[in-house]
Amino acid sequence: KVWIMRKKFDNKLKQLNNELIDMANLIQSTIKEAMEVFFKSDIDEANKIIKNDQEINDYQKRIENICYSLLIEQQPVASDLRLITAALKMVTDLERIGDHASDICELVIDMSKEKRDYNFDHFRQMYTDVSVMLIDSISSYVNRDIELAKQIIKMDDAVDAMFEKNKEELIEYIHLDPQNGKKAVDLLMVNKYLERIGDHVTNVAECVINYLG
């Protein structure tokens, strides 16, 4: 009987793992779509992404329910407990990343009537960096790769540096022409959301190190 219960428990752990990977993959594609929307100013696609945020929230609820049932159904051993705790922490950060993708799309809609005369190269670099970090964080979780998780945390320094550079240039953009003010504030918010995505991915990497190492 104990063996049967353990097998059932292991199957549920596997389900938890798969749900987390699927959620992370969905978020990865959502960020990609959100940034394409941002670069192209595609209002219709922006609205679609905002509506699809519910799917990410549904993943969060499912994963949390699996975690709670694992904690209730059987007394987990220490290694199981670490895995479940990591999943509960990670899913919160992943859901927040999804929220920020929606936030960016809402700003795209807000900025749709503005002239697109700003150089988006730094935004592209930030997006590229956080995207690589997110893919690597999923990989570090799946493979229990502590060294990769440590590299992700170091990569966040480059994202923070680009965030500061972007901020300085946007402030200068306002100084050049005060009429750029509203657009610059919206772009500063996109800048902030990308930086926050980097922070949430760093939290995921820290979970891998602290709970799965």
N, C-alpha and C. Protein backbone atom coordinates (compact mmCIF):
# COMPACT_ATOMS: atom_id res chain seq x y z
N LYS A 1 0.82 -1.21 0.00
CA LYS A 1 0.00 0.00 0.00
C LYS A 1 0.87 1.27 0.00
N VAL A 2 1.91 1.26 0.80
CA VAL A 2 2.82 2.42 0.85
C VAL A 2 3.44 2.65 -0.51
N TRP A 3 3.83 1.56 -1.17
CA TRP A 3 4.45 1.66 -2.50
C TRP A 3 3.48 2.27 -3.51
N ILE A 4 2.21 1.85 -3.43
CA ILE A 4 1.18 2.37 -4.35
C ILE A 4 0.98 3.87 -4.12
N MET A 5 0.94 4.26 -2.85
CA MET A 5 0.77 5.68 -2.51
C MET A 5 1.95 6.51 -3.03
N ARG A 6 3.16 5.93 -2.88
CA ARG A 6 4.35 6.65 -3.32
C ARG A 6 4.34 6.81 -4.84
N LYS A 7 3.88 5.77 -5.54
CA LYS A 7 3.81 5.82 -7.01
C LYS A 7 2.83 6.91 -7.45
N LYS A 8 1.71 6.97 -6.77
CA LYS A 8 0.70 7.99 -7.05
C LYS A 8 1.27 9.39 -6.80
N PHE A 9 2.02 9.50 -5.70
CA PHE A 9 2.66 10.77 -5.32
C PHE A 9 3.68 11.18 -6.38
N ASP A 10 4.51 10.22 -6.83
CA ASP A 10 5.53 10.50 -7.85
C ASP A 10 4.89 10.94 -9.18
N ASN A 11 3.77 10.31 -9.52
CA ASN A 11 3.06 10.68 -10.75
C ASN A 11 2.56 12.12 -10.68
N LYS A 12 2.08 12.48 -9.47
CA LYS A 12 1.60 13.85 -9.28
C LYS A 12 2.76 14.85 -9.31
N LEU A 13 3.91 14.46 -8.80
CA LEU A 13 5.11 15.31 -8.87
C LEU A 13 5.50 15.53 -10.33
N LYS A 14 5.39 14.45 -11.12
CA LYS A 14 5.72 14.54 -12.56
C LYS A 14 4.74 15.49 -13.26
N GLN A 15 3.47 15.39 -12.86
CA GLN A 15 2.44 16.28 -13.42
C GLN A 15 2.77 17.74 -13.07
N LEU A 16 3.19 17.97 -11.83
CA LEU A 16 3.58 19.31 -11.37
C LEU A 16 4.71 19.86 -12.23
N ASN A 17 5.71 19.03 -12.44
CA ASN A 17 6.87 19.40 -13.26
C ASN A 17 6.44 19.80 -14.67
N ASN A 18 5.59 18.96 -15.27
CA ASN A 18 5.13 19.20 -16.64
C ASN A 18 4.30 20.48 -16.76
N GLU A 19 3.43 20.70 -15.77
CA GLU A 19 2.59 21.91 -15.77
C GLU A 19 3.45 23.16 -15.66
N LEU A 20 4.48 23.11 -14.82
CA LEU A 20 5.39 24.26 -14.65
C LEU A 20 6.12 24.57 -15.96
N ILE A 21 6.59 23.51 -16.62
CA ILE A 21 7.31 23.68 -17.89
C ILE A 21 6.37 24.26 -18.95
N ASP A 22 5.14 23.73 -19.01
CA ASP A 22 4.16 24.23 -20.00
C ASP A 22 3.82 25.69 -19.75
N MET A 23 3.64 26.03 -18.47
CA MET A 23 3.33 27.42 -18.11
C MET A 23 4.48 28.35 -18.51
N ALA A 24 5.69 27.93 -18.20
CA ALA A 24 6.88 28.74 -18.53
C ALA A 24 7.00 28.92 -20.04
N ASN A 25 6.73 27.86 -20.80
CA ASN A 25 6.80 27.95 -22.27
C ASN A 25 5.74 28.91 -22.82
N LEU A 26 4.54 28.85 -22.22
CA LEU A 26 3.46 29.76 -22.63
C LEU A 26 3.88 31.21 -22.35
N ILE A 27 4.48 31.45 -21.19
CA ILE A 27 4.91 32.80 -20.82
C ILE A 27 6.01 33.28 -21.75
N GLN A 28 6.91 32.37 -22.09
CA GLN A 28 8.00 32.71 -23.03
C GLN A 28 7.42 33.21 -24.35
N SER A 29 6.44 32.49 -24.90
CA SER A 29 5.85 32.90 -26.18
C SER A 29 5.01 34.17 -26.01
N THR A 30 4.40 34.35 -24.83
CA THR A 30 3.60 35.56 -24.57
C THR A 30 4.47 36.80 -24.55
N ILE A 31 5.65 36.71 -23.91
CA ILE A 31 6.58 37.85 -23.89
C ILE A 31 7.05 38.17 -25.31
N LYS A 32 7.37 37.12 -26.06
CA LYS A 32 7.81 37.31 -27.45
C LYS A 32 6.74 38.05 -28.25
N GLU A 33 5.50 37.60 -28.11
CA GLU A 33 4.39 38.23 -28.84
C GLU A 33 4.18 39.67 -28.37
N ALA A 34 4.28 39.89 -27.04
CA ALA A 34 4.07 41.23 -26.48
C ALA A 34 5.12 42.21 -27.01
N MET A 35 6.37 41.76 -27.12
CA MET A 35 7.43 42.65 -27.60
C MET A 35 7.31 42.88 -29.11
N GLU A 36 6.85 41.87 -29.85
CA GLU A 36 6.59 42.08 -31.29
C GLU A 36 5.49 43.12 -31.48
N VAL A 37 4.47 43.02 -30.63
CA VAL A 37 3.38 44.00 -30.62
C VAL A 37 3.91 45.40 -30.32
N PHE A 38 4.82 45.46 -29.35
CA PHE A 38 5.43 46.74 -28.96
C PHE A 38 6.23 47.35 -30.11
N PHE A 39 7.06 46.54 -30.76
CA PHE A 39 7.90 47.06 -31.84
C PHE A 39 7.08 47.44 -33.08
N LYS A 40 5.96 46.73 -33.30
CA LYS A 40 5.15 47.00 -34.50
C LYS A 40 3.95 47.91 -34.22
N SER A 41 3.65 48.14 -32.94
CA SER A 41 2.45 48.89 -32.53
C SER A 41 1.18 48.25 -33.10
N ASP A 42 1.03 46.95 -32.84
CA ASP A 42 -0.10 46.17 -33.37
C ASP A 42 -1.20 46.09 -32.31
N ILE A 43 -2.22 46.93 -32.45
CA ILE A 43 -3.27 47.07 -31.43
C ILE A 43 -4.12 45.79 -31.30
N ASP A 44 -4.49 45.20 -32.44
CA ASP A 44 -5.34 44.00 -32.42
C ASP A 44 -4.65 42.86 -31.66
N GLU A 45 -3.38 42.66 -31.97
CA GLU A 45 -2.62 41.60 -31.27
C GLU A 45 -2.46 41.92 -29.79
N ALA A 46 -2.29 43.20 -29.48
CA ALA A 46 -2.15 43.63 -28.07
C ALA A 46 -3.39 43.24 -27.29
N ASN A 47 -4.56 43.48 -27.86
CA ASN A 47 -5.82 43.13 -27.19
C ASN A 47 -5.95 41.62 -26.99
N LYS A 48 -5.50 40.85 -27.99
CA LYS A 48 -5.55 39.37 -27.88
C LYS A 48 -4.70 38.88 -26.71
N ILE A 49 -3.49 39.42 -26.60
CA ILE A 49 -2.57 38.99 -25.53
C ILE A 49 -3.15 39.31 -24.16
N ILE A 50 -3.77 40.49 -24.03
CA ILE A 50 -4.38 40.88 -22.75
C ILE A 50 -5.47 39.88 -22.37
N LYS A 51 -6.29 39.49 -23.36
CA LYS A 51 -7.37 38.52 -23.09
C LYS A 51 -6.81 37.14 -22.72
N ASN A 52 -5.67 36.78 -23.32
CA ASN A 52 -5.08 35.45 -23.08
C ASN A 52 -4.40 35.33 -21.71
N ASP A 53 -4.31 36.45 -20.98
CA ASP A 53 -3.66 36.41 -19.66
C ASP A 53 -4.37 35.44 -18.71
N GLN A 54 -5.67 35.23 -18.95
CA GLN A 54 -6.44 34.31 -18.10
C GLN A 54 -5.86 32.89 -18.15
N GLU A 55 -5.34 32.49 -19.31
CA GLU A 55 -4.77 31.14 -19.45
C GLU A 55 -3.57 30.95 -18.51
N ILE A 56 -2.76 32.00 -18.38
CA ILE A 56 -1.60 31.95 -17.47
C ILE A 56 -2.10 31.86 -16.03
N ASN A 57 -3.13 32.64 -15.70
CA ASN A 57 -3.70 32.58 -14.34
C ASN A 57 -4.25 31.20 -14.03
N ASP A 58 -4.85 30.56 -15.04
CA ASP A 58 -5.40 29.21 -14.85
C ASP A 58 -4.28 28.20 -14.55
N TYR A 59 -3.15 28.35 -15.24
CA TYR A 59 -1.99 27.50 -14.96
C TYR A 59 -1.56 27.66 -13.51
N GLN A 60 -1.51 28.92 -13.05
CA GLN A 60 -1.08 29.18 -11.68
C GLN A 60 -1.98 28.45 -10.68
N LYS A 61 -3.30 28.55 -10.90
CA LYS A 61 -4.25 27.90 -9.98
C LYS A 61 -4.07 26.39 -9.99
N ARG A 62 -3.91 25.82 -11.20
CA ARG A 62 -3.74 24.36 -11.31
C ARG A 62 -2.48 23.90 -10.57
N ILE A 63 -1.38 24.62 -10.79
CA ILE A 63 -0.10 24.24 -10.17
C ILE A 63 -0.19 24.36 -8.65
N GLU A 64 -0.79 25.45 -8.18
CA GLU A 64 -0.94 25.63 -6.73
C GLU A 64 -1.80 24.51 -6.13
N ASN A 65 -2.87 24.13 -6.85
CA ASN A 65 -3.74 23.04 -6.36
C ASN A 65 -2.99 21.71 -6.29
N ILE A 66 -2.15 21.44 -7.30
CA ILE A 66 -1.34 20.21 -7.27
C ILE A 66 -0.40 20.24 -6.06
N CYS A 67 0.23 21.39 -5.83
CA CYS A 67 1.16 21.52 -4.69
C CYS A 67 0.45 21.27 -3.36
N TYR A 68 -0.73 21.90 -3.21
CA TYR A 68 -1.46 21.74 -1.94
C TYR A 68 -1.91 20.30 -1.74
N SER A 69 -2.35 19.67 -2.83
CA SER A 69 -2.80 18.26 -2.68
C SER A 69 -1.62 17.34 -2.36
N LEU A 70 -0.44 17.64 -2.91
CA LEU A 70 0.77 16.86 -2.59
C LEU A 70 1.13 17.01 -1.10
N LEU A 71 0.97 18.21 -0.58
CA LEU A 71 1.29 18.46 0.83
C LEU A 71 0.29 17.79 1.77
N ILE A 72 -0.98 17.71 1.33
CA ILE A 72 -2.03 17.14 2.17
C ILE A 72 -2.08 15.62 2.10
N GLU A 73 -1.93 15.08 0.88
CA GLU A 73 -2.15 13.65 0.65
C GLU A 73 -1.11 12.77 1.33
N GLN A 74 0.12 13.21 1.37
CA GLN A 74 1.18 12.38 1.93
C GLN A 74 2.22 13.27 2.58
N GLN A 75 2.77 12.80 3.68
CA GLN A 75 3.83 13.57 4.34
C GLN A 75 5.07 13.55 3.46
N PRO A 76 5.40 14.69 2.79
CA PRO A 76 6.53 14.63 1.86
C PRO A 76 7.87 14.51 2.61
N VAL A 77 8.80 13.79 2.01
CA VAL A 77 10.16 13.76 2.56
C VAL A 77 10.81 15.11 2.24
N ALA A 78 11.98 15.37 2.84
CA ALA A 78 12.62 16.70 2.73
C ALA A 78 12.82 17.13 1.28
N SER A 79 13.29 16.20 0.43
CA SER A 79 13.56 16.57 -0.97
C SER A 79 12.26 16.90 -1.72
N ASP A 80 11.18 16.17 -1.41
CA ASP A 80 9.87 16.46 -2.02
C ASP A 80 9.39 17.84 -1.58
N LEU A 81 9.56 18.11 -0.30
CA LEU A 81 9.10 19.38 0.27
C LEU A 81 9.80 20.56 -0.38
N ARG A 82 11.10 20.40 -0.63
CA ARG A 82 11.87 21.47 -1.29
C ARG A 82 11.35 21.71 -2.71
N LEU A 83 11.06 20.60 -3.41
CA LEU A 83 10.54 20.69 -4.78
C LEU A 83 9.20 21.41 -4.82
N ILE A 84 8.31 21.05 -3.90
CA ILE A 84 6.96 21.64 -3.85
C ILE A 84 7.05 23.12 -3.46
N THR A 85 7.89 23.43 -2.48
CA THR A 85 8.07 24.83 -2.05
C THR A 85 8.62 25.67 -3.20
N ALA A 86 9.60 25.12 -3.92
CA ALA A 86 10.18 25.83 -5.08
C ALA A 86 9.09 26.10 -6.12
N ALA A 87 8.26 25.10 -6.39
CA ALA A 87 7.19 25.25 -7.39
C ALA A 87 6.22 26.36 -7.00
N LEU A 88 5.84 26.40 -5.71
CA LEU A 88 4.91 27.42 -5.22
C LEU A 88 5.49 28.82 -5.36
N LYS A 89 6.78 28.94 -5.09
CA LYS A 89 7.44 30.26 -5.21
C LYS A 89 7.60 30.64 -6.68
N MET A 90 8.04 29.68 -7.49
CA MET A 90 8.29 29.95 -8.90
C MET A 90 7.03 30.34 -9.66
N VAL A 91 5.92 29.67 -9.33
CA VAL A 91 4.69 29.92 -10.08
C VAL A 91 4.20 31.35 -9.87
N THR A 92 4.46 31.90 -8.69
CA THR A 92 4.07 33.30 -8.41
C THR A 92 4.86 34.25 -9.30
N ASP A 93 6.18 34.00 -9.41
CA ASP A 93 7.02 34.85 -10.27
C ASP A 93 6.66 34.69 -11.74
N LEU A 94 6.37 33.46 -12.16
CA LEU A 94 5.99 33.24 -13.56
C LEU A 94 4.70 33.97 -13.90
N GLU A 95 3.74 33.94 -12.97
CA GLU A 95 2.46 34.61 -13.21
C GLU A 95 2.66 36.13 -13.32
N ARG A 96 3.56 36.67 -12.51
CA ARG A 96 3.84 38.11 -12.55
C ARG A 96 4.50 38.49 -13.88
N ILE A 97 5.33 37.60 -14.42
CA ILE A 97 5.93 37.86 -15.74
C ILE A 97 4.82 37.97 -16.79
N GLY A 98 3.86 37.06 -16.71
CA GLY A 98 2.71 37.10 -17.62
C GLY A 98 1.94 38.41 -17.49
N ASP A 99 1.77 38.87 -16.25
CA ASP A 99 1.10 40.16 -16.01
C ASP A 99 1.84 41.30 -16.69
N HIS A 100 3.17 41.28 -16.61
CA HIS A 100 3.97 42.36 -17.19
C HIS A 100 3.87 42.36 -18.73
N ALA A 101 3.74 41.17 -19.32
CA ALA A 101 3.53 41.09 -20.77
C ALA A 101 2.22 41.79 -21.14
N SER A 102 1.18 41.57 -20.34
CA SER A 102 -0.11 42.25 -20.55
C SER A 102 0.01 43.75 -20.33
N ASP A 103 0.77 44.13 -19.29
CA ASP A 103 0.99 45.56 -19.00
C ASP A 103 1.63 46.27 -20.19
N ILE A 104 2.61 45.61 -20.81
CA ILE A 104 3.29 46.18 -21.98
C ILE A 104 2.27 46.38 -23.12
N CYS A 105 1.41 45.38 -23.32
CA CYS A 105 0.39 45.47 -24.38
C CYS A 105 -0.58 46.62 -24.12
N GLU A 106 -0.94 46.84 -22.86
CA GLU A 106 -1.84 47.96 -22.53
C GLU A 106 -1.17 49.30 -22.86
N LEU A 107 0.13 49.38 -22.62
CA LEU A 107 0.87 50.61 -22.97
C LEU A 107 0.95 50.80 -24.48
N VAL A 108 1.07 49.68 -25.21
CA VAL A 108 1.10 49.76 -26.69
C VAL A 108 -0.20 50.39 -27.19
N ILE A 109 -1.32 49.97 -26.63
CA ILE A 109 -2.62 50.54 -27.01
C ILE A 109 -2.65 52.03 -26.67
N ASP A 110 -2.15 52.36 -25.49
CA ASP A 110 -2.12 53.75 -25.02
C ASP A 110 -1.23 54.63 -25.91
N MET A 111 -0.15 54.04 -26.44
CA MET A 111 0.82 54.80 -27.24
C MET A 111 0.50 54.79 -28.75
N SER A 112 -0.58 54.15 -29.13
CA SER A 112 -0.84 53.89 -30.56
C SER A 112 -0.95 55.16 -31.41
N LYS A 113 -1.35 56.26 -30.79
CA LYS A 113 -1.52 57.51 -31.57
C LYS A 113 -0.25 58.36 -31.56
N GLU A 114 0.77 57.92 -30.82
CA GLU A 114 2.03 58.70 -30.74
C GLU A 114 2.92 58.43 -31.96
N LYS A 115 3.72 59.42 -32.33
CA LYS A 115 4.70 59.22 -33.41
C LYS A 115 5.78 58.25 -32.93
N ARG A 116 6.20 57.35 -33.81
CA ARG A 116 7.22 56.36 -33.45
C ARG A 116 8.59 56.84 -33.94
N ASP A 117 9.12 57.83 -33.24
CA ASP A 117 10.39 58.42 -33.66
C ASP A 117 11.51 58.15 -32.65
N TYR A 118 11.31 57.10 -31.83
CA TYR A 118 12.32 56.79 -30.82
C TYR A 118 13.10 55.54 -31.24
N ASN A 119 14.37 55.50 -30.90
CA ASN A 119 15.21 54.34 -31.22
C ASN A 119 14.98 53.23 -30.18
N PHE A 120 14.48 52.09 -30.64
CA PHE A 120 14.11 51.00 -29.73
C PHE A 120 15.23 49.97 -29.52
N ASP A 121 16.45 50.27 -29.95
CA ASP A 121 17.53 49.28 -29.87
C ASP A 121 17.78 48.76 -28.46
N HIS A 122 17.75 49.66 -27.47
CA HIS A 122 18.00 49.22 -26.09
C HIS A 122 16.87 48.32 -25.58
N PHE A 123 15.65 48.61 -26.02
CA PHE A 123 14.52 47.75 -25.65
C PHE A 123 14.70 46.36 -26.25
N ARG A 124 15.19 46.33 -27.49
CA ARG A 124 15.44 45.03 -28.14
C ARG A 124 16.50 44.24 -27.37
N GLN A 125 17.55 44.93 -26.92
CA GLN A 125 18.61 44.27 -26.18
C GLN A 125 18.10 43.73 -24.83
N MET A 126 17.31 44.56 -24.14
CA MET A 126 16.74 44.12 -22.86
C MET A 126 15.84 42.90 -23.06
N TYR A 127 14.99 42.97 -24.09
CA TYR A 127 14.08 41.85 -24.37
C TYR A 127 14.87 40.58 -24.68
N THR A 128 15.91 40.71 -25.51
CA THR A 128 16.74 39.55 -25.86
C THR A 128 17.35 38.94 -24.60
N ASP A 129 17.86 39.78 -23.72
CA ASP A 129 18.50 39.29 -22.49
C ASP A 129 17.51 38.59 -21.56
N VAL A 130 16.36 39.22 -21.32
CA VAL A 130 15.40 38.60 -20.38
C VAL A 130 14.81 37.33 -20.98
N SER A 131 14.70 37.30 -22.31
CA SER A 131 14.17 36.11 -22.99
C SER A 131 15.13 34.93 -22.82
N VAL A 132 16.42 35.17 -23.02
CA VAL A 132 17.44 34.12 -22.81
C VAL A 132 17.43 33.67 -21.34
N MET A 133 17.33 34.65 -20.44
CA MET A 133 17.30 34.33 -19.00
C MET A 133 16.11 33.42 -18.67
N LEU A 134 14.94 33.73 -19.24
CA LEU A 134 13.74 32.93 -18.96
C LEU A 134 13.90 31.51 -19.47
N ILE A 135 14.37 31.35 -20.72
CA ILE A 135 14.58 30.01 -21.29
C ILE A 135 15.57 29.23 -20.42
N ASP A 136 16.65 29.90 -20.02
CA ASP A 136 17.68 29.24 -19.20
C ASP A 136 17.17 28.89 -17.80
N SER A 137 16.29 29.73 -17.27
CA SER A 137 15.76 29.44 -15.92
C SER A 137 14.90 28.18 -15.94
N ILE A 138 14.13 28.00 -17.02
CA ILE A 138 13.32 26.78 -17.16
C ILE A 138 14.26 25.57 -17.27
N SER A 139 15.30 25.74 -18.10
CA SER A 139 16.28 24.67 -18.29
C SER A 139 16.99 24.32 -16.97
N SER A 140 17.32 25.35 -16.19
CA SER A 140 18.02 25.11 -14.91
C SER A 140 17.12 24.36 -13.93
N TYR A 141 15.81 24.66 -14.00
CA TYR A 141 14.84 23.95 -13.14
C TYR A 141 14.70 22.49 -13.57
N VAL A 142 14.49 22.28 -14.86
CA VAL A 142 14.27 20.92 -15.38
C VAL A 142 15.49 20.03 -15.12
N ASN A 143 16.68 20.59 -15.35
CA ASN A 143 17.92 19.80 -15.25
C ASN A 143 18.63 19.94 -13.90
N ARG A 144 17.99 20.70 -12.97
CA ARG A 144 18.62 20.94 -11.65
C ARG A 144 20.05 21.46 -11.85
N ASP A 145 20.17 22.41 -12.79
CA ASP A 145 21.49 22.93 -13.18
C ASP A 145 21.81 24.20 -12.38
N ILE A 146 22.53 24.02 -11.29
CA ILE A 146 22.81 25.13 -10.36
C ILE A 146 23.74 26.16 -11.00
N GLU A 147 24.71 25.69 -11.77
CA GLU A 147 25.66 26.63 -12.41
C GLU A 147 24.93 27.54 -13.41
N LEU A 148 24.00 26.98 -14.16
CA LEU A 148 23.23 27.77 -15.11
C LEU A 148 22.39 28.81 -14.35
N ALA A 149 21.79 28.40 -13.25
CA ALA A 149 20.99 29.32 -12.42
C ALA A 149 21.85 30.49 -11.93
N LYS A 150 23.10 30.19 -11.56
CA LYS A 150 24.01 31.26 -11.10
C LYS A 150 24.33 32.24 -12.24
N GLN A 151 24.48 31.70 -13.46
CA GLN A 151 24.76 32.55 -14.63
C GLN A 151 23.59 33.50 -14.91
N ILE A 152 22.37 33.00 -14.70
CA ILE A 152 21.17 33.82 -14.93
C ILE A 152 21.18 35.03 -14.00
N ILE A 153 21.54 34.80 -12.75
CA ILE A 153 21.59 35.89 -11.76
C ILE A 153 22.62 36.94 -12.18
N LYS A 154 23.75 36.49 -12.73
CA LYS A 154 24.77 37.44 -13.22
C LYS A 154 24.25 38.22 -14.43
N MET A 155 23.49 37.54 -15.31
CA MET A 155 22.94 38.19 -16.50
C MET A 155 22.01 39.35 -16.14
N ASP A 156 21.36 39.24 -14.98
CA ASP A 156 20.43 40.29 -14.57
C ASP A 156 21.14 41.62 -14.37
N ASP A 157 22.42 41.59 -14.04
CA ASP A 157 23.20 42.84 -13.90
C ASP A 157 23.23 43.61 -15.22
N ALA A 158 23.36 42.88 -16.34
CA ALA A 158 23.38 43.52 -17.67
C ALA A 158 22.02 44.13 -17.98
N VAL A 159 20.94 43.45 -17.57
CA VAL A 159 19.58 43.98 -17.77
C VAL A 159 19.41 45.26 -16.96
N ASP A 160 19.87 45.24 -15.71
CA ASP A 160 19.77 46.43 -14.85
C ASP A 160 20.56 47.60 -15.43
N ALA A 161 21.74 47.31 -15.98
CA ALA A 161 22.57 48.37 -16.58
C ALA A 161 21.86 48.97 -17.80
N MET A 162 21.25 48.12 -18.62
CA MET A 162 20.52 48.59 -19.80
C MET A 162 19.28 49.39 -19.38
N PHE A 163 18.65 48.97 -18.30
CA PHE A 163 17.50 49.70 -17.75
C PHE A 163 17.90 51.14 -17.40
N GLU A 164 19.04 51.29 -16.72
CA GLU A 164 19.53 52.62 -16.33
C GLU A 164 19.87 53.47 -17.56
N LYS A 165 20.50 52.83 -18.54
CA LYS A 165 20.88 53.53 -19.78
C LYS A 165 19.64 54.02 -20.52
N ASN A 166 18.65 53.16 -20.62
CA ASN A 166 17.38 53.51 -21.25
C ASN A 166 16.72 54.69 -20.53
N LYS A 167 16.73 54.61 -19.20
CA LYS A 167 16.11 55.65 -18.39
C LYS A 167 16.77 57.01 -18.64
N GLU A 168 18.11 57.02 -18.65
CA GLU A 168 18.85 58.27 -18.90
C GLU A 168 18.52 58.85 -20.27
N GLU A 169 18.45 57.97 -21.28
CA GLU A 169 18.17 58.44 -22.64
C GLU A 169 16.73 58.95 -22.79
N LEU A 170 15.82 58.33 -22.06
CA LEU A 170 14.42 58.79 -22.13
C LEU A 170 14.24 60.13 -21.42
N ILE A 171 14.98 60.34 -20.35
CA ILE A 171 14.94 61.65 -19.67
C ILE A 171 15.50 62.73 -20.60
N GLU A 172 16.58 62.38 -21.30
CA GLU A 172 17.17 63.30 -22.27
C GLU A 172 16.18 63.59 -23.42
N TYR A 173 15.43 62.57 -23.80
CA TYR A 173 14.42 62.67 -24.86
C TYR A 173 13.34 63.70 -24.48
N ILE A 174 12.98 63.75 -23.19
CA ILE A 174 12.01 64.74 -22.70
C ILE A 174 12.63 66.13 -22.74
N HIS A 175 13.91 66.22 -22.33
CA HIS A 175 14.58 67.52 -22.32
C HIS A 175 14.68 68.12 -23.72
N LEU A 176 14.89 67.28 -24.71
CA LEU A 176 15.00 67.76 -26.10
C LEU A 176 13.69 68.38 -26.58
N ASP A 177 12.58 67.78 -26.16
CA ASP A 177 11.27 68.31 -26.54
C ASP A 177 10.25 67.89 -25.48
N PRO A 178 9.79 68.85 -24.65
CA PRO A 178 8.82 68.51 -23.60
C PRO A 178 7.55 67.85 -24.12
N GLN A 179 7.24 68.04 -25.42
CA GLN A 179 6.06 67.38 -25.98
C GLN A 179 6.22 65.86 -26.06
N ASN A 180 7.45 65.40 -25.94
CA ASN A 180 7.71 63.95 -25.91
C ASN A 180 7.37 63.34 -24.55
N GLY A 181 6.95 64.20 -23.61
CA GLY A 181 6.78 63.78 -22.22
C GLY A 181 5.94 62.55 -22.00
N LYS A 182 4.71 62.54 -22.54
CA LYS A 182 3.80 61.42 -22.29
C LYS A 182 4.35 60.11 -22.87
N LYS A 183 4.84 60.23 -24.11
CA LYS A 183 5.40 59.03 -24.76
C LYS A 183 6.60 58.50 -23.98
N ALA A 184 7.45 59.42 -23.51
CA ALA A 184 8.63 59.01 -22.75
C ALA A 184 8.24 58.32 -21.45
N VAL A 185 7.20 58.80 -20.79
CA VAL A 185 6.73 58.17 -19.54
C VAL A 185 6.22 56.75 -19.84
N ASP A 186 5.47 56.59 -20.92
CA ASP A 186 4.98 55.24 -21.31
C ASP A 186 6.17 54.31 -21.61
N LEU A 187 7.17 54.85 -22.31
CA LEU A 187 8.36 54.04 -22.63
C LEU A 187 9.16 53.71 -21.37
N LEU A 188 9.19 54.65 -20.43
CA LEU A 188 9.84 54.37 -19.14
C LEU A 188 9.15 53.22 -18.41
N MET A 189 7.83 53.14 -18.56
CA MET A 189 7.07 52.05 -17.94
C MET A 189 7.40 50.71 -18.60
N VAL A 190 7.51 50.70 -19.95
CA VAL A 190 7.91 49.47 -20.65
C VAL A 190 9.29 49.05 -20.17
N ASN A 191 10.17 50.02 -20.06
CA ASN A 191 11.53 49.79 -19.55
C ASN A 191 11.49 49.14 -18.17
N LYS A 192 10.61 49.67 -17.32
CA LYS A 192 10.47 49.15 -15.95
C LYS A 192 9.92 47.73 -15.95
N TYR A 193 8.93 47.46 -16.82
CA TYR A 193 8.35 46.11 -16.88
C TYR A 193 9.38 45.08 -17.33
N LEU A 194 10.22 45.44 -18.30
CA LEU A 194 11.27 44.52 -18.76
C LEU A 194 12.27 44.26 -17.63
N GLU A 195 12.59 45.31 -16.89
CA GLU A 195 13.52 45.15 -15.75
C GLU A 195 12.91 44.25 -14.69
N ARG A 196 11.60 44.41 -14.45
CA ARG A 196 10.90 43.59 -13.45
C ARG A 196 10.83 42.12 -13.92
N ILE A 197 10.65 41.90 -15.22
CA ILE A 197 10.66 40.53 -15.75
C ILE A 197 12.01 39.88 -15.42
N GLY A 198 13.09 40.64 -15.65
CA GLY A 198 14.42 40.15 -15.29
C GLY A 198 14.53 39.79 -13.82
N ASP A 199 13.93 40.61 -12.95
CA ASP A 199 13.94 40.34 -11.50
C ASP A 199 13.19 39.06 -11.17
N HIS A 200 12.03 38.87 -11.81
CA HIS A 200 11.23 37.67 -11.53
C HIS A 200 11.94 36.40 -12.02
N VAL A 201 12.60 36.51 -13.18
CA VAL A 201 13.37 35.36 -13.68
C VAL A 201 14.52 35.05 -12.72
N THR A 202 15.14 36.10 -12.19
CA THR A 202 16.22 35.92 -11.20
C THR A 202 15.69 35.20 -9.96
N ASN A 203 14.48 35.54 -9.54
CA ASN A 203 13.85 34.85 -8.40
C ASN A 203 13.69 33.35 -8.68
N VAL A 204 13.30 33.04 -9.93
CA VAL A 204 13.15 31.62 -10.33
C VAL A 204 14.52 30.92 -10.21
N ALA A 205 15.56 31.57 -10.72
CA ALA A 205 16.92 30.99 -10.66
C ALA A 205 17.36 30.81 -9.20
N GLU A 206 17.02 31.76 -8.34
CA GLU A 206 17.37 31.66 -6.92
C GLU A 206 16.64 30.50 -6.25
N CYS A 207 15.40 30.25 -6.69
CA CYS A 207 14.65 29.08 -6.18
C CYS A 207 15.36 27.78 -6.53
N VAL A 208 15.85 27.71 -7.76
CA VAL A 208 16.59 26.51 -8.21
C VAL A 208 17.81 26.29 -7.32
N ILE A 209 18.53 27.37 -7.04
CA ILE A 209 19.75 27.26 -6.21
C ILE A 209 19.39 26.89 -4.77
N ASN A 210 18.40 27.58 -4.21
CA ASN A 210 18.10 27.44 -2.77
C ASN A 210 17.36 26.14 -2.43
N TYR A 211 16.52 25.67 -3.36
CA TYR A 211 15.68 24.52 -3.02
C TYR A 211 16.06 23.23 -3.75
N LEU A 212 16.69 23.35 -4.91
CA LEU A 212 16.95 22.16 -5.71
C LEU A 212 18.42 21.80 -5.81
N GLY A 213 19.27 22.66 -5.25
CA GLY A 213 20.72 22.43 -5.33
C GLY A 213 21.19 21.32 -4.42
